[in-house]
C-alpha atoms as a PDB file:
ATOM      1  CA  MET A   1     -46.022-170.089  41.522  1.00  0.00           C
ATOM      2  CA  LEU A   2     -49.198-169.201  39.741  1.00  0.00           C
ATOM      3  CA  GLN A   3     -49.765-172.300  38.102  1.00  0.00           C
ATOM      4  CA  ARG A   4     -49.597-173.957  41.527  1.00  0.00           C
ATOM      5  CA  LEU A   5     -51.840-171.164  42.816  1.00  0.00           C
ATOM      6  CA  THR A   6     -54.287-171.771  39.859  1.00  0.00           C
ATOM      7  CA  ASN A   7     -54.087-175.750  39.826  1.00  0.00           C
ATOM      8  CA  ASN A   8     -52.619-175.757  36.417  1.00  0.00           C
ATOM      9  CA  VAL A   9     -55.527-173.696  34.970  1.00  0.00           C
ATOM     10  CA  LEU A  10     -52.576-171.034  34.247  1.00  0.00           C
ATOM     11  CA  LYS A  11     -49.367-172.797  33.059  1.00  0.00           C
ATOM     12  CA  SER A  12     -46.307-171.540  33.539  1.00  0.00           C
ATOM     13  CA  THR A  13     -43.929-171.590  30.124  1.00  0.00           C
ATOM     14  CA  SER A  14     -40.102-171.962  30.467  1.00  0.00           C
ATOM     15  CA  HIS A  15     -37.699-169.434  29.381  1.00  0.00           C
ATOM     16  CA  ARG A  16     -35.286-169.984  26.942  1.00  0.00           C
ATOM     17  CA  VAL A  17     -32.794-168.257  24.677  1.00  0.00           C
ATOM     18  CA  VAL A  18     -32.190-169.740  20.955  1.00  0.00           C
ATOM     19  CA  ASN A  19     -29.392-167.848  19.035  1.00  0.00           C
ATOM     20  CA  PRO A  20     -30.700-166.369  15.871  1.00  0.00           C
ATOM     21  CA  PRO A  21     -30.544-167.762  12.209  1.00  0.00           C
ATOM     22  CA  PRO A  22     -27.127-167.023  10.364  1.00  0.00           C
ATOM     23  CA  GLU A  23     -28.543-164.238   8.642  1.00  0.00           C
ATOM     24  CA  ARG A  24     -29.377-162.225  11.658  1.00  0.00           C
ATOM     25  CA  ARG A  25     -26.288-163.237  13.925  1.00  0.00           C
ATOM     26  CA  GLY A  26     -24.279-159.729  14.658  1.00  0.00           C
ATOM     27  CA  ARG A  27     -27.633-157.786  15.117  1.00  0.00           C
ATOM     28  CA  SER A  28     -28.633-156.203  18.495  1.00  0.00           C
ATOM     29  CA  ARG A  29     -31.386-157.922  20.131  1.00  0.00           C
ATOM     30  CA  TYR A  30     -33.096-157.601  23.414  1.00  0.00           C
ATOM     31  CA  SER A  31     -34.584-159.914  26.217  1.00  0.00           C
ATOM     32  CA  MET A  32     -36.755-158.231  28.843  1.00  0.00           C
ATOM     33  CA  PRO A  33     -37.843-161.311  31.231  1.00  0.00           C
ATOM     34  CA  PHE A  34     -39.862-159.822  33.908  1.00  0.00           C
ATOM     35  CA  PHE A  35     -40.204-162.032  37.638  1.00  0.00           C
ATOM     36  CA  LEU A  36     -42.507-161.537  40.200  1.00  0.00           C
ATOM     37  CA  HIS A  37     -42.168-163.427  43.266  1.00  0.00           C
ATOM     38  CA  PHE A  38     -44.617-163.591  46.508  1.00  0.00           C
ATOM     39  CA  ARG A  39     -43.413-162.563  49.724  1.00  0.00           C
ATOM     40  CA  PRO A  40     -41.526-165.138  51.355  1.00  0.00           C
ATOM     41  CA  ASP A  41     -43.915-166.169  53.871  1.00  0.00           C
ATOM     42  CA  TYR A  42     -46.762-165.897  51.420  1.00  0.00           C
ATOM     43  CA  LEU A  43     -48.848-169.724  51.611  1.00  0.00           C
ATOM     44  CA  ILE A  44     -49.284-170.992  48.295  1.00  0.00           C
ATOM     45  CA  GLU A  45     -52.801-172.349  48.408  1.00  0.00           C
ATOM     46  CA  THR A  46     -54.736-173.714  45.314  1.00  0.00           C
ATOM     47  CA  LEU A  47     -57.361-171.420  44.929  1.00  0.00           C
ATOM     48  CA  PRO A  48     -61.009-173.366  45.712  1.00  0.00           C
ATOM     49  CA  GLU A  49     -62.446-171.958  42.006  1.00  0.00           C
ATOM     50  CA  THR A  50     -59.716-174.025  39.968  1.00  0.00           C
ATOM     51  CA  VAL A  51     -60.844-177.344  41.848  1.00  0.00           C
ATOM     52  CA  SER A  52     -63.930-179.066  40.671  1.00  0.00           C
ATOM     53  CA  ALA A  53     -65.115-182.920  40.398  1.00  0.00           C
ATOM     54  CA  GLU A  54     -63.346-182.791  36.756  1.00  0.00           C
ATOM     55  CA  ARG A  55     -60.278-181.021  38.146  1.00  0.00           C
ATOM     56  CA  SER A  56     -58.608-182.323  41.451  1.00  0.00           C
ATOM     57  CA  ASN A  57     -56.612-180.731  43.370  1.00  0.00           C
ATOM     58  CA  LEU A  58     -53.092-181.154  41.804  1.00  0.00           C
ATOM     59  CA  TYR A  59     -51.538-179.635  44.606  1.00  0.00           C
ATOM     60  CA  PRO A  60     -53.229-180.335  47.941  1.00  0.00           C
ATOM     61  CA  GLU A  61     -50.295-179.493  50.312  1.00  0.00           C
ATOM     62  CA  PRO A  62     -49.563-175.596  50.709  1.00  0.00           C
ATOM     63  CA  ILE A  63     -46.309-174.364  50.403  1.00  0.00           C
ATOM     64  CA  THR A  64     -44.867-171.205  51.348  1.00  0.00           C
ATOM     65  CA  ALA A  65     -43.371-168.899  48.378  1.00  0.00           C
ATOM     66  CA  HIS A  66     -39.770-169.155  49.805  1.00  0.00           C
ATOM     67  CA  ASP A  67     -39.879-173.323  49.889  1.00  0.00           C
ATOM     68  CA  PHE A  68     -41.378-173.182  46.459  1.00  0.00           C
ATOM     69  CA  LEU A  69     -38.638-171.227  44.903  1.00  0.00           C
ATOM     70  CA  LEU A  70     -35.811-173.193  46.772  1.00  0.00           C
ATOM     71  CA  GLN A  71     -37.616-176.332  45.628  1.00  0.00           C
ATOM     72  CA  ARG A  72     -37.615-175.050  41.709  1.00  0.00           C
ATOM     73  CA  LEU A  73     -34.086-173.653  42.315  1.00  0.00           C
ATOM     74  CA  ARG A  74     -32.992-177.506  42.942  1.00  0.00           C
ATOM     75  CA  GLU A  75     -35.032-178.652  39.888  1.00  0.00           C
ATOM     76  CA  ILE A  76     -32.735-176.378  38.029  1.00  0.00           C
ATOM     77  CA  LYS A  77     -29.689-177.421  39.374  1.00  0.00           C
ATOM     78  CA  LEU A  78     -28.738-173.795  40.798  1.00  0.00           C
ATOM     79  CA  VAL A  79     -28.663-174.793  44.585  1.00  0.00           C
END
């Protein structure tokens, strides 16, 4: 959502888990993801200060946070 809000100025990263190398297997490890979500009715519109003559608006159509989440869940085949 932040990537869309900032016109790709702040890029999203994919979360992935990789098995450790053989010499580290069997040791405990921790993962602490942090997810932040706008209110479902929040309208995600590109911030005007991230649009310029050199950087066109990549997301001209606003979308609600709820619709964006559903779109992403469909893309990763969870819905």
